[in-house]
Amino acid sequence: MAVPIRTCAGCGRKAPRIELLRFAAVNGVLKAVPESRGRGAYTCALAPCFERALSAKSFSRALRTAVRVDPALRDLYTDADG
């Protein structure tokens, strides 16, 4: 069976979907949503990827809508050392 490949919105790395964190726009707010239908954006599980996606406005572009980002989402990430 083929494994779905997704692209990190921060670094651009292609990886199996299970290795990345998935986000979706829920009522205009970015939420971590592991399983749902519809448009999603993915990042690696590293804080620099999340920060890069924020600064480049990659979430809004990937989700095709303006989103507000809850600062608590940063708690989902590890630092570069793991």
N, C-alpha and C. Protein backbone atom coordinates (compact mmCIF):
# COMPACT_ATOMS: atom_id res chain seq x y z
N MET A 1 0.84 -1.18 0.00
CA MET A 1 0.00 0.00 0.00
C MET A 1 0.89 1.24 0.00
N ALA A 2 0.52 2.22 -0.78
CA ALA A 2 1.30 3.45 -0.89
C ALA A 2 1.11 4.33 0.35
N VAL A 3 2.20 4.93 0.80
CA VAL A 3 2.16 5.82 1.96
C VAL A 3 2.00 7.25 1.45
N PRO A 4 1.01 8.01 1.95
CA PRO A 4 0.83 9.39 1.50
C PRO A 4 2.03 10.24 1.89
N ILE A 5 2.53 11.03 0.94
CA ILE A 5 3.66 11.92 1.17
C ILE A 5 3.13 13.35 1.21
N ARG A 6 3.57 14.11 2.19
CA ARG A 6 3.17 15.51 2.34
C ARG A 6 4.42 16.37 2.43
N THR A 7 4.26 17.69 2.26
CA THR A 7 5.38 18.63 2.28
C THR A 7 5.26 19.54 3.48
N CYS A 8 6.37 19.73 4.20
CA CYS A 8 6.41 20.63 5.35
C CYS A 8 6.26 22.06 4.86
N ALA A 9 5.35 22.81 5.47
CA ALA A 9 5.13 24.21 5.10
C ALA A 9 6.29 25.10 5.53
N GLY A 10 7.14 24.61 6.42
CA GLY A 10 8.26 25.41 6.90
C GLY A 10 9.53 25.19 6.11
N CYS A 11 9.98 23.94 6.02
CA CYS A 11 11.28 23.66 5.38
C CYS A 11 11.16 23.10 3.97
N GLY A 12 9.97 22.62 3.60
CA GLY A 12 9.78 22.07 2.27
C GLY A 12 10.15 20.60 2.13
N ARG A 13 10.53 19.97 3.24
CA ARG A 13 10.90 18.55 3.20
C ARG A 13 9.66 17.70 2.92
N LYS A 14 9.82 16.73 2.06
CA LYS A 14 8.74 15.79 1.77
C LYS A 14 8.93 14.58 2.68
N ALA A 15 7.84 14.15 3.32
CA ALA A 15 7.91 13.05 4.27
C ALA A 15 6.57 12.33 4.31
N PRO A 16 6.56 11.10 4.81
CA PRO A 16 5.28 10.40 4.99
C PRO A 16 4.38 11.21 5.94
N ARG A 17 3.12 11.20 5.65
CA ARG A 17 2.16 11.99 6.42
C ARG A 17 2.24 11.73 7.92
N ILE A 18 2.50 10.50 8.31
CA ILE A 18 2.53 10.15 9.73
C ILE A 18 3.68 10.84 10.49
N GLU A 19 4.72 11.28 9.79
CA GLU A 19 5.86 11.94 10.43
C GLU A 19 5.64 13.44 10.66
N LEU A 20 4.59 14.01 10.08
CA LEU A 20 4.35 15.44 10.13
C LEU A 20 3.14 15.77 11.00
N LEU A 21 3.08 17.01 11.48
CA LEU A 21 1.92 17.49 12.22
C LEU A 21 0.97 18.17 11.24
N ARG A 22 -0.32 17.89 11.37
CA ARG A 22 -1.32 18.43 10.45
C ARG A 22 -2.09 19.56 11.12
N PHE A 23 -2.35 20.60 10.33
CA PHE A 23 -3.12 21.76 10.80
C PHE A 23 -4.24 22.04 9.82
N ALA A 24 -5.31 22.63 10.34
CA ALA A 24 -6.44 23.05 9.52
C ALA A 24 -6.98 24.35 10.08
N ALA A 25 -7.72 25.07 9.24
CA ALA A 25 -8.37 26.31 9.67
C ALA A 25 -9.76 25.95 10.19
N VAL A 26 -10.01 26.25 11.45
CA VAL A 26 -11.31 26.00 12.06
C VAL A 26 -11.86 27.35 12.49
N ASN A 27 -12.87 27.83 11.77
CA ASN A 27 -13.45 29.15 12.02
C ASN A 27 -12.40 30.24 12.02
N GLY A 28 -11.44 30.17 11.09
CA GLY A 28 -10.42 31.20 10.94
C GLY A 28 -9.26 31.11 11.90
N VAL A 29 -9.22 30.04 12.71
CA VAL A 29 -8.14 29.85 13.67
C VAL A 29 -7.38 28.58 13.31
N LEU A 30 -6.05 28.66 13.32
CA LEU A 30 -5.22 27.49 13.03
C LEU A 30 -5.28 26.53 14.19
N LYS A 31 -5.64 25.28 13.90
CA LYS A 31 -5.75 24.24 14.92
C LYS A 31 -4.97 23.01 14.49
N ALA A 32 -4.39 22.33 15.45
CA ALA A 32 -3.75 21.04 15.19
C ALA A 32 -4.87 20.01 15.08
N VAL A 33 -5.04 19.45 13.91
CA VAL A 33 -6.13 18.52 13.64
C VAL A 33 -5.54 17.29 12.95
N PRO A 34 -5.20 16.25 13.72
CA PRO A 34 -4.54 15.09 13.14
C PRO A 34 -5.36 14.38 12.06
N GLU A 35 -6.64 14.25 12.27
CA GLU A 35 -7.49 13.54 11.31
C GLU A 35 -8.73 14.38 11.03
N SER A 36 -8.88 14.82 9.82
CA SER A 36 -10.11 15.50 9.42
C SER A 36 -10.13 15.58 7.90
N ARG A 37 -11.27 15.90 7.38
CA ARG A 37 -11.41 16.06 5.95
C ARG A 37 -11.10 17.49 5.57
N GLY A 38 -10.79 17.69 4.32
CA GLY A 38 -10.58 19.03 3.81
C GLY A 38 -9.12 19.44 3.77
N ARG A 39 -8.92 20.69 3.46
CA ARG A 39 -7.59 21.23 3.26
C ARG A 39 -6.80 21.26 4.56
N GLY A 40 -5.55 20.86 4.47
CA GLY A 40 -4.67 20.87 5.63
C GLY A 40 -3.29 21.37 5.26
N ALA A 41 -2.53 21.73 6.27
CA ALA A 41 -1.13 22.14 6.10
C ALA A 41 -0.31 21.32 7.09
N TYR A 42 0.90 21.00 6.72
CA TYR A 42 1.74 20.12 7.53
C TYR A 42 3.06 20.79 7.85
N THR A 43 3.63 20.44 9.01
CA THR A 43 5.00 20.85 9.34
C THR A 43 5.70 19.67 10.00
N CYS A 44 7.04 19.71 9.95
CA CYS A 44 7.84 18.75 10.71
C CYS A 44 7.58 19.01 12.18
N ALA A 45 8.00 18.10 13.03
CA ALA A 45 7.77 18.25 14.47
C ALA A 45 8.85 19.09 15.14
N LEU A 46 9.46 19.99 14.42
CA LEU A 46 10.51 20.86 14.96
C LEU A 46 10.04 22.31 15.00
N ALA A 47 10.36 23.00 16.08
CA ALA A 47 9.94 24.39 16.25
C ALA A 47 10.41 25.30 15.11
N PRO A 48 11.65 25.17 14.61
CA PRO A 48 12.07 26.07 13.52
C PRO A 48 11.19 25.96 12.27
N CYS A 49 10.68 24.77 11.98
CA CYS A 49 9.79 24.62 10.82
C CYS A 49 8.48 25.38 11.05
N PHE A 50 7.93 25.27 12.25
CA PHE A 50 6.70 26.00 12.58
C PHE A 50 6.93 27.50 12.49
N GLU A 51 8.03 27.99 13.05
CA GLU A 51 8.34 29.42 13.04
C GLU A 51 8.54 29.92 11.61
N ARG A 52 9.22 29.13 10.79
CA ARG A 52 9.44 29.53 9.40
C ARG A 52 8.12 29.59 8.63
N ALA A 53 7.23 28.63 8.88
CA ALA A 53 5.92 28.63 8.23
C ALA A 53 5.10 29.84 8.65
N LEU A 54 5.22 30.23 9.92
CA LEU A 54 4.51 31.43 10.39
C LEU A 54 5.03 32.68 9.72
N SER A 55 6.36 32.84 9.72
CA SER A 55 6.94 34.07 9.19
C SER A 55 6.73 34.21 7.68
N ALA A 56 6.66 33.10 6.99
CA ALA A 56 6.45 33.14 5.54
C ALA A 56 4.96 33.12 5.17
N LYS A 57 4.09 33.09 6.17
CA LYS A 57 2.63 33.03 5.96
C LYS A 57 2.23 31.80 5.14
N SER A 58 2.97 30.71 5.35
CA SER A 58 2.72 29.48 4.61
C SER A 58 1.40 28.81 4.98
N PHE A 59 0.97 28.96 6.24
CA PHE A 59 -0.29 28.34 6.64
C PHE A 59 -1.46 28.97 5.88
N SER A 60 -1.50 30.28 5.81
CA SER A 60 -2.59 30.95 5.09
C SER A 60 -2.57 30.58 3.61
N ARG A 61 -1.39 30.50 3.05
CA ARG A 61 -1.28 30.16 1.64
C ARG A 61 -1.72 28.71 1.39
N ALA A 62 -1.24 27.79 2.20
CA ALA A 62 -1.59 26.37 2.01
C ALA A 62 -3.07 26.11 2.26
N LEU A 63 -3.64 26.81 3.24
CA LEU A 63 -5.05 26.60 3.58
C LEU A 63 -5.99 27.46 2.75
N ARG A 64 -5.41 28.36 1.98
CA ARG A 64 -6.17 29.26 1.10
C ARG A 64 -7.18 30.12 1.86
N THR A 65 -6.80 30.54 3.06
CA THR A 65 -7.62 31.44 3.86
C THR A 65 -6.75 32.09 4.91
N ALA A 66 -7.13 33.27 5.35
CA ALA A 66 -6.39 33.93 6.42
C ALA A 66 -6.68 33.21 7.74
N VAL A 67 -5.63 32.93 8.52
CA VAL A 67 -5.82 32.24 9.79
C VAL A 67 -5.11 32.99 10.90
N ARG A 68 -5.72 32.96 12.09
CA ARG A 68 -5.06 33.45 13.31
C ARG A 68 -4.36 32.26 13.94
N VAL A 69 -3.19 32.52 14.50
CA VAL A 69 -2.40 31.43 15.08
C VAL A 69 -2.36 31.59 16.58
N ASP A 70 -2.80 30.57 17.28
CA ASP A 70 -2.75 30.54 18.73
C ASP A 70 -1.31 30.28 19.18
N PRO A 71 -0.72 31.15 20.01
CA PRO A 71 0.65 30.93 20.47
C PRO A 71 0.85 29.60 21.19
N ALA A 72 -0.20 29.01 21.73
CA ALA A 72 -0.10 27.73 22.43
C ALA A 72 0.29 26.59 21.49
N LEU A 73 0.15 26.78 20.17
CA LEU A 73 0.53 25.74 19.23
C LEU A 73 2.03 25.47 19.28
N ARG A 74 2.82 26.44 19.71
CA ARG A 74 4.26 26.25 19.82
C ARG A 74 4.60 25.12 20.80
N ASP A 75 3.71 24.83 21.73
CA ASP A 75 3.94 23.77 22.71
C ASP A 75 3.94 22.38 22.09
N LEU A 76 3.45 22.24 20.86
CA LEU A 76 3.43 20.95 20.18
C LEU A 76 4.81 20.53 19.69
N TYR A 77 5.74 21.47 19.65
CA TYR A 77 7.01 21.24 18.99
C TYR A 77 8.15 21.00 19.95
N THR A 78 9.15 20.29 19.43
CA THR A 78 10.39 20.06 20.14
C THR A 78 11.42 21.05 19.62
N ASP A 79 12.54 21.21 20.34
CA ASP A 79 13.61 22.04 19.81
C ASP A 79 14.41 21.23 18.79
N ALA A 80 15.41 21.83 18.19
CA ALA A 80 16.18 21.17 17.13
C ALA A 80 16.91 19.93 17.64
N ASP A 81 17.17 19.84 18.95
CA ASP A 81 17.89 18.70 19.49
C ASP A 81 16.98 17.52 19.80
N GLY A 82 15.66 17.73 19.67
CA GLY A 82 14.72 16.65 19.95
C GLY A 82 14.11 16.82 21.27
